């Protein structure tokens, strides 16, 4: 394993944030890692802005699972990192990931703790609950920057082509191989959804969706309520 990362970012109409996201990844690109943007044919300036800072910008069908699979197929490196456009990796993410994989040689994947960008005190509780639940259950969310060895990702056939819960579905299949590595250094993800929709309301919505998915409700049905 060469220790190099392929950072894959699915996008759809993210012109307001994509430049800032990619500029923060320049330090990793300078260290030899690659950044791939998988864009679902945005009708704004996402593609042209991303092309200035990413190593590759792919045009794909819409759907995060589909987009991230396309990025993974195009990737050149041994470690895949799936990063949402509104999430920021720590500058030393490469060292943290490689150190974690080397120290626990039996594990092939993992995720970061998450910190929400807002200042509301209730968000601190939300963070702790997300991180605790993830480590306890072995299920990671897309906001936590899931990383996985490319060979293991191929072994489980990548993301399912479903409109929601693709991160939970992938985690379940990866967990059958090994439990995830839980890196305590956090990624910072935007709290805009929580703040715009209401923190309590968003908590209840997310819990309801996860419970419904666990009980067998299809992602296609859940997407209508997301």
C-alpha atoms as a PDB file:
ATOM      1  CA  UNK A   1       0.000   0.000   0.000  1.00  0.00           C
ATOM      2  CA  UNK A   2       1.470   3.333  -1.070  1.00  0.00           C
ATOM      3  CA  UNK A   3      -0.316   5.337   1.618  1.00  0.00           C
ATOM      4  CA  UNK A   4      -1.646   7.868  -0.884  1.00  0.00           C
ATOM      5  CA  UNK A   5      -5.245   9.033  -0.705  1.00  0.00           C
ATOM      6  CA  UNK A   6      -7.853   9.492  -3.405  1.00  0.00           C
ATOM      7  CA  UNK A   7     -10.334  12.002  -1.975  1.00  0.00           C
ATOM      8  CA  UNK A   8     -13.692  11.695  -3.720  1.00  0.00           C
ATOM      9  CA  UNK A   9     -16.265  14.480  -3.425  1.00  0.00           C
ATOM     10  CA  UNK A  10     -19.805  14.067  -4.816  1.00  0.00           C
ATOM     11  CA  UNK A  11     -21.369  17.395  -5.826  1.00  0.00           C
ATOM     12  CA  UNK A  12     -24.615  18.822  -7.099  1.00  0.00           C
ATOM     13  CA  UNK A  13     -25.001  22.600  -7.414  1.00  0.00           C
ATOM     14  CA  UNK A  14     -22.396  23.484  -4.786  1.00  0.00           C
ATOM     15  CA  UNK A  15     -20.953  26.642  -6.358  1.00  0.00           C
ATOM     16  CA  UNK A  16     -21.235  28.550  -3.069  1.00  0.00           C
ATOM     17  CA  UNK A  17     -18.914  26.220  -1.150  1.00  0.00           C
ATOM     18  CA  UNK A  18     -16.900  24.075  -3.546  1.00  0.00           C
ATOM     19  CA  UNK A  19     -14.009  26.519  -3.993  1.00  0.00           C
ATOM     20  CA  UNK A  20     -13.463  26.844  -0.256  1.00  0.00           C
ATOM     21  CA  UNK A  21     -13.675  23.068   0.175  1.00  0.00           C
ATOM     22  CA  UNK A  22     -11.109  22.366  -2.533  1.00  0.00           C
ATOM     23  CA  UNK A  23      -8.722  25.149  -1.522  1.00  0.00           C
ATOM     24  CA  UNK A  24      -8.439  23.558   1.909  1.00  0.00           C
ATOM     25  CA  UNK A  25      -7.364  20.303   0.253  1.00  0.00           C
ATOM     26  CA  UNK A  26      -4.426  21.911  -1.553  1.00  0.00           C
ATOM     27  CA  UNK A  27      -2.052  20.938   1.253  1.00  0.00           C
ATOM     28  CA  UNK A  28      -2.945  17.284   0.667  1.00  0.00           C
ATOM     29  CA  UNK A  29      -2.614  17.595  -3.107  1.00  0.00           C
ATOM     30  CA  UNK A  30       0.847  19.103  -2.615  1.00  0.00           C
ATOM     31  CA  UNK A  31       1.741  16.005  -0.592  1.00  0.00           C
ATOM     32  CA  UNK A  32       0.879  13.784  -3.579  1.00  0.00           C
ATOM     33  CA  UNK A  33      -2.717  12.854  -2.844  1.00  0.00           C
ATOM     34  CA  UNK A  34      -5.426  13.269  -5.472  1.00  0.00           C
ATOM     35  CA  UNK A  35      -8.796  14.985  -5.350  1.00  0.00           C
ATOM     36  CA  UNK A  36     -11.628  13.774  -7.571  1.00  0.00           C
ATOM     37  CA  UNK A  37     -14.934  15.624  -7.860  1.00  0.00           C
ATOM     38  CA  UNK A  38     -17.860  13.539  -9.111  1.00  0.00           C
ATOM     39  CA  UNK A  39     -20.438  16.065 -10.242  1.00  0.00           C
ATOM     40  CA  UNK A  40     -24.035  15.115 -11.018  1.00  0.00           C
ATOM     41  CA  UNK A  41     -24.316  17.526 -13.963  1.00  0.00           C
ATOM     42  CA  UNK A  42     -24.787  20.651 -11.858  1.00  0.00           C
ATOM     43  CA  UNK A  43     -26.580  23.519 -13.602  1.00  0.00           C
ATOM     44  CA  UNK A  44     -24.569  26.145 -11.705  1.00  0.00           C
ATOM     45  CA  UNK A  45     -20.804  26.839 -11.779  1.00  0.00           C
ATOM     46  CA  UNK A  46     -19.758  23.840  -9.664  1.00  0.00           C
ATOM     47  CA  UNK A  47     -18.017  22.047 -12.538  1.00  0.00           C
ATOM     48  CA  UNK A  48     -15.974  25.015 -13.756  1.00  0.00           C
ATOM     49  CA  UNK A  49     -14.978  26.043 -10.230  1.00  0.00           C
ATOM     50  CA  UNK A  50     -13.996  22.494  -9.259  1.00  0.00           C
ATOM     51  CA  UNK A  51     -11.896  22.115 -12.401  1.00  0.00           C
ATOM     52  CA  UNK A  52      -9.554  24.832 -11.121  1.00  0.00           C
ATOM     53  CA  UNK A  53      -8.612  22.947  -7.962  1.00  0.00           C
ATOM     54  CA  UNK A  54      -9.322  19.222  -8.400  1.00  0.00           C
ATOM     55  CA  UNK A  55      -7.134  16.688 -10.184  1.00  0.00           C
ATOM     56  CA  UNK A  56     -10.188  15.325 -11.995  1.00  0.00           C
ATOM     57  CA  UNK A  57     -13.825  16.370 -12.360  1.00  0.00           C
ATOM     58  CA  UNK A  58     -16.192  13.658 -13.555  1.00  0.00           C
ATOM     59  CA  UNK A  59     -19.721  14.096 -14.856  1.00  0.00           C
ATOM     60  CA  UNK A  60     -21.995  11.375 -13.512  1.00  0.00           C
ATOM     61  CA  UNK A  61     -25.620  10.491 -12.998  1.00  0.00           C
ATOM     62  CA  UNK A  62     -27.229  11.964  -9.877  1.00  0.00           C
ATOM     63  CA  UNK A  63     -27.061   9.963  -6.652  1.00  0.00           C
ATOM     64  CA  UNK A  64     -24.276  10.028  -4.090  1.00  0.00           C
ATOM     65  CA  UNK A  65     -23.687   6.279  -4.251  1.00  0.00           C
ATOM     66  CA  UNK A  66     -23.442   6.364  -8.030  1.00  0.00           C
ATOM     67  CA  UNK A  67     -21.201   9.430  -7.946  1.00  0.00           C
ATOM     68  CA  UNK A  68     -18.811   8.039  -5.340  1.00  0.00           C
ATOM     69  CA  UNK A  69     -18.570   4.713  -7.158  1.00  0.00           C
ATOM     70  CA  UNK A  70     -17.613   6.597 -10.320  1.00  0.00           C
ATOM     71  CA  UNK A  71     -14.923   8.474  -8.408  1.00  0.00           C
ATOM     72  CA  UNK A  72     -13.607   5.267  -6.874  1.00  0.00           C
ATOM     73  CA  UNK A  73     -13.426   3.609 -10.275  1.00  0.00           C
ATOM     74  CA  UNK A  74     -11.347   6.522 -11.562  1.00  0.00           C
ATOM     75  CA  UNK A  75      -9.083   6.725  -8.495  1.00  0.00           C
ATOM     76  CA  UNK A  76      -5.387   5.878  -8.732  1.00  0.00           C
ATOM     77  CA  UNK A  77      -4.457   5.412  -5.075  1.00  0.00           C
ATOM     78  CA  UNK A  78      -4.765   2.664  -2.488  1.00  0.00           C
ATOM     79  CA  UNK A  79      -6.908   4.507   0.049  1.00  0.00           C
ATOM     80  CA  UNK A  80     -10.268   6.047  -0.792  1.00  0.00           C
ATOM     81  CA  UNK A  81     -11.714   8.922   1.241  1.00  0.00           C
ATOM     82  CA  UNK A  82     -15.336   9.911   0.622  1.00  0.00           C
ATOM     83  CA  UNK A  83     -15.853  13.545   1.535  1.00  0.00           C
ATOM     84  CA  UNK A  84     -19.031  15.605   1.421  1.00  0.00           C
ATOM     85  CA  UNK A  85     -18.663  19.015  -0.202  1.00  0.00           C
ATOM     86  CA  UNK A  86     -19.584  20.797   3.041  1.00  0.00           C
ATOM     87  CA  UNK A  87     -17.121  18.853   5.205  1.00  0.00           C
ATOM     88  CA  UNK A  88     -13.523  19.831   5.976  1.00  0.00           C
ATOM     89  CA  UNK A  89     -10.757  17.328   6.620  1.00  0.00           C
ATOM     90  CA  UNK A  90      -7.981  18.109   9.116  1.00  0.00           C
ATOM     91  CA  UNK A  91      -4.796  19.204   7.337  1.00  0.00           C
ATOM     92  CA  UNK A  92      -2.991  16.078   8.570  1.00  0.00           C
ATOM     93  CA  UNK A  93      -5.753  13.692   7.501  1.00  0.00           C
ATOM     94  CA  UNK A  94      -3.283  11.641   5.468  1.00  0.00           C
ATOM     95  CA  UNK A  95      -1.034  11.014   8.469  1.00  0.00           C
ATOM     96  CA  UNK A  96      -3.988  10.220  10.720  1.00  0.00           C
ATOM     97  CA  UNK A  97      -5.448   7.717   8.259  1.00  0.00           C
ATOM     98  CA  UNK A  98      -2.159   5.990   7.467  1.00  0.00           C
ATOM     99  CA  UNK A  99      -1.152   5.804  11.113  1.00  0.00           C
ATOM    100  CA  UNK A 100      -4.532   4.336  12.069  1.00  0.00           C
ATOM    101  CA  UNK A 101      -4.418   1.699   9.318  1.00  0.00           C
ATOM    102  CA  UNK A 102      -0.838   0.745  10.181  1.00  0.00           C
ATOM    103  CA  UNK A 103      -1.420   0.544  13.936  1.00  0.00           C
ATOM    104  CA  UNK A 104      -4.435  -1.705  13.487  1.00  0.00           C
ATOM    105  CA  UNK A 105      -3.351  -3.806  10.547  1.00  0.00           C
ATOM    106  CA  UNK A 106      -6.444  -6.000  10.734  1.00  0.00           C
ATOM    107  CA  UNK A 107      -8.802  -3.122   9.942  1.00  0.00           C
ATOM    108  CA  UNK A 108      -9.335  -1.814   6.437  1.00  0.00           C
ATOM    109  CA  UNK A 109     -11.667   1.143   6.933  1.00  0.00           C
ATOM    110  CA  UNK A 110     -12.817   3.810   9.315  1.00  0.00           C
ATOM    111  CA  UNK A 111     -14.175   7.276   9.847  1.00  0.00           C
ATOM    112  CA  UNK A 112     -13.477  10.509  11.725  1.00  0.00           C
ATOM    113  CA  UNK A 113     -15.349  11.998  14.624  1.00  0.00           C
ATOM    114  CA  UNK A 114     -17.497  14.892  13.459  1.00  0.00           C
ATOM    115  CA  UNK A 115     -17.776  18.463  14.697  1.00  0.00           C
ATOM    116  CA  UNK A 116     -20.610  20.686  13.513  1.00  0.00           C
ATOM    117  CA  UNK A 117     -19.674  24.190  12.431  1.00  0.00           C
ATOM    118  CA  UNK A 118     -22.356  26.062  14.383  1.00  0.00           C
ATOM    119  CA  UNK A 119     -21.949  27.519  17.868  1.00  0.00           C
ATOM    120  CA  UNK A 120     -25.245  26.456  19.463  1.00  0.00           C
ATOM    121  CA  UNK A 121     -24.679  24.421  22.632  1.00  0.00           C
ATOM    122  CA  UNK A 122     -27.158  21.802  21.551  1.00  0.00           C
ATOM    123  CA  UNK A 123     -24.960  21.042  18.549  1.00  0.00           C
ATOM    124  CA  UNK A 124     -22.210  19.914  20.926  1.00  0.00           C
ATOM    125  CA  UNK A 125     -24.599  17.277  22.284  1.00  0.00           C
ATOM    126  CA  UNK A 126     -25.544  16.262  18.753  1.00  0.00           C
ATOM    127  CA  UNK A 127     -21.854  15.759  17.912  1.00  0.00           C
ATOM    128  CA  UNK A 128     -21.241  13.580  20.942  1.00  0.00           C
ATOM    129  CA  UNK A 129     -24.276  11.452  20.184  1.00  0.00           C
ATOM    130  CA  UNK A 130     -23.271  10.974  16.538  1.00  0.00           C
ATOM    131  CA  UNK A 131     -19.708  10.017  17.434  1.00  0.00           C
ATOM    132  CA  UNK A 132     -20.671   7.705  20.293  1.00  0.00           C
ATOM    133  CA  UNK A 133     -23.363   5.949  18.285  1.00  0.00           C
ATOM    134  CA  UNK A 134     -21.037   5.472  15.330  1.00  0.00           C
ATOM    135  CA  UNK A 135     -18.252   3.917  17.374  1.00  0.00           C
ATOM    136  CA  UNK A 136     -20.683   1.750  19.364  1.00  0.00           C
ATOM    137  CA  UNK A 137     -22.599   0.417  16.361  1.00  0.00           C
ATOM    138  CA  UNK A 138     -19.773   0.359  13.824  1.00  0.00           C
ATOM    139  CA  UNK A 139     -21.907   2.383  11.395  1.00  0.00           C
ATOM    140  CA  UNK A 140     -20.437   5.532   9.832  1.00  0.00           C
ATOM    141  CA  UNK A 141     -22.209   8.403   8.117  1.00  0.00           C
ATOM    142  CA  UNK A 142     -21.088  10.348   5.078  1.00  0.00           C
ATOM    143  CA  UNK A 143     -20.468  13.440   7.190  1.00  0.00           C
ATOM    144  CA  UNK A 144     -17.678  11.539   8.981  1.00  0.00           C
ATOM    145  CA  UNK A 145     -15.438  11.185   5.913  1.00  0.00           C
ATOM    146  CA  UNK A 146     -15.420   7.409   5.496  1.00  0.00           C
ATOM    147  CA  UNK A 147     -12.046   6.024   4.380  1.00  0.00           C
ATOM    148  CA  UNK A 148     -11.372   2.513   3.099  1.00  0.00           C
ATOM    149  CA  UNK A 149      -8.685   0.569   1.306  1.00  0.00           C
ATOM    150  CA  UNK A 150      -9.523   0.477  -2.393  1.00  0.00           C
ATOM    151  CA  UNK A 151      -9.176  -3.314  -2.494  1.00  0.00           C
ATOM    152  CA  UNK A 152     -11.680  -3.719   0.336  1.00  0.00           C
ATOM    153  CA  UNK A 153     -14.097  -1.270  -1.286  1.00  0.00           C
ATOM    154  CA  UNK A 154     -14.034  -3.402  -4.441  1.00  0.00           C
ATOM    155  CA  UNK A 155     -14.436  -6.558  -2.352  1.00  0.00           C
ATOM    156  CA  UNK A 156     -17.809  -5.333  -1.031  1.00  0.00           C
ATOM    157  CA  UNK A 157     -18.876  -3.984  -4.462  1.00  0.00           C
ATOM    158  CA  UNK A 158     -18.815  -0.331  -3.418  1.00  0.00           C
ATOM    159  CA  UNK A 159     -21.854   1.782  -2.647  1.00  0.00           C
ATOM    160  CA  UNK A 160     -25.306   0.491  -3.426  1.00  0.00           C
ATOM    161  CA  UNK A 161     -27.229   2.469  -6.040  1.00  0.00           C
ATOM    162  CA  UNK A 162     -29.875   3.717  -3.603  1.00  0.00           C
ATOM    163  CA  UNK A 163     -31.102   7.309  -3.104  1.00  0.00           C
ATOM    164  CA  UNK A 164     -30.508   7.438   0.661  1.00  0.00           C
ATOM    165  CA  UNK A 165     -28.664   5.518   3.393  1.00  0.00           C
ATOM    166  CA  UNK A 166     -25.854   4.528   1.028  1.00  0.00           C
ATOM    167  CA  UNK A 167     -23.348   5.239   3.818  1.00  0.00           C
ATOM    168  CA  UNK A 168     -25.206   3.047   6.321  1.00  0.00           C
ATOM    169  CA  UNK A 169     -25.522   0.246   3.774  1.00  0.00           C
ATOM    170  CA  UNK A 170     -21.796   0.378   2.953  1.00  0.00           C
ATOM    171  CA  UNK A 171     -20.887   0.413   6.658  1.00  0.00           C
ATOM    172  CA  UNK A 172     -22.956  -2.700   7.287  1.00  0.00           C
ATOM    173  CA  UNK A 173     -21.151  -4.616   4.562  1.00  0.00           C
ATOM    174  CA  UNK A 174     -17.704  -3.373   5.583  1.00  0.00           C
ATOM    175  CA  UNK A 175     -18.435  -4.238   9.212  1.00  0.00           C
ATOM    176  CA  UNK A 176     -18.784  -7.881   8.236  1.00  0.00           C
ATOM    177  CA  UNK A 177     -15.068  -7.752   7.395  1.00  0.00           C
ATOM    178  CA  UNK A 178     -13.839  -5.564  10.271  1.00  0.00           C
ATOM    179  CA  UNK A 179     -15.232  -2.946  12.593  1.00  0.00           C
ATOM    180  CA  UNK A 180     -14.289   0.630  11.685  1.00  0.00           C
ATOM    181  CA  UNK A 181     -11.357   2.625  13.002  1.00  0.00           C
ATOM    182  CA  UNK A 182     -12.695   5.638  14.903  1.00  0.00           C
ATOM    183  CA  UNK A 183     -10.316   8.590  14.498  1.00  0.00           C
ATOM    184  CA  UNK A 184     -10.993  11.074  17.302  1.00  0.00           C
ATOM    185  CA  UNK A 185      -9.583  14.102  15.477  1.00  0.00           C
ATOM    186  CA  UNK A 186     -12.761  15.583  13.986  1.00  0.00           C
ATOM    187  CA  UNK A 187     -13.742  16.653  10.538  1.00  0.00           C
ATOM    188  CA  UNK A 188     -15.784  19.854  10.537  1.00  0.00           C
ATOM    189  CA  UNK A 189     -19.088  19.635   8.724  1.00  0.00           C
ATOM    190  CA  UNK A 190     -21.596  22.371   8.030  1.00  0.00           C
ATOM    191  CA  UNK A 191     -24.457  22.711  10.489  1.00  0.00           C
ATOM    192  CA  UNK A 192     -26.594  24.558   7.915  1.00  0.00           C
ATOM    193  CA  UNK A 193     -29.170  21.744   7.688  1.00  0.00           C
ATOM    194  CA  UNK A 194     -29.544  21.613  11.464  1.00  0.00           C
ATOM    195  CA  UNK A 195     -29.869  25.370  11.796  1.00  0.00           C
ATOM    196  CA  UNK A 196     -32.200  25.919   8.841  1.00  0.00           C
ATOM    197  CA  UNK A 197     -34.583  23.093   9.737  1.00  0.00           C
ATOM    198  CA  UNK A 198     -34.289  23.341  13.521  1.00  0.00           C
ATOM    199  CA  UNK A 199     -31.935  21.233  15.635  1.00  0.00           C
ATOM    200  CA  UNK A 200     -34.587  19.247  17.512  1.00  0.00           C
ATOM    201  CA  UNK A 201     -36.653  18.738  14.367  1.00  0.00           C
ATOM    202  CA  UNK A 202     -33.585  17.492  12.464  1.00  0.00           C
ATOM    203  CA  UNK A 203     -32.635  15.096  15.273  1.00  0.00           C
ATOM    204  CA  UNK A 204     -36.130  13.605  15.267  1.00  0.00           C
ATOM    205  CA  UNK A 205     -36.145  13.343  11.482  1.00  0.00           C
ATOM    206  CA  UNK A 206     -32.774  11.587  11.320  1.00  0.00           C
ATOM    207  CA  UNK A 207     -33.659   9.159  14.106  1.00  0.00           C
ATOM    208  CA  UNK A 208     -36.979   8.387  12.455  1.00  0.00           C
ATOM    209  CA  UNK A 209     -35.351   7.734   9.085  1.00  0.00           C
ATOM    210  CA  UNK A 210     -32.703   5.455  10.578  1.00  0.00           C
ATOM    211  CA  UNK A 211     -35.264   3.519  12.583  1.00  0.00           C
ATOM    212  CA  UNK A 212     -37.488   3.120   9.543  1.00  0.00           C
ATOM    213  CA  UNK A 213     -34.520   1.914   7.483  1.00  0.00           C
ATOM    214  CA  UNK A 214     -33.560  -0.580  10.190  1.00  0.00           C
ATOM    215  CA  UNK A 215     -37.141  -1.869  10.134  1.00  0.00           C
ATOM    216  CA  UNK A 216     -36.951  -2.451   6.402  1.00  0.00           C
ATOM    217  CA  UNK A 217     -38.467   0.660   4.825  1.00  0.00           C
ATOM    218  CA  UNK A 218     -36.887   1.181   1.408  1.00  0.00           C
ATOM    219  CA  UNK A 219     -34.470   4.065   0.747  1.00  0.00           C
ATOM    220  CA  UNK A 220     -36.715   5.135  -2.140  1.00  0.00           C
ATOM    221  CA  UNK A 221     -39.578   5.681   0.300  1.00  0.00           C
ATOM    222  CA  UNK A 222     -37.389   7.374   2.910  1.00  0.00           C
ATOM    223  CA  UNK A 223     -36.022   9.818   0.315  1.00  0.00           C
ATOM    224  CA  UNK A 224     -39.475  11.436   0.112  1.00  0.00           C
ATOM    225  CA  UNK A 225     -39.198  12.520   3.752  1.00  0.00           C
ATOM    226  CA  UNK A 226     -35.528  13.532   3.805  1.00  0.00           C
END
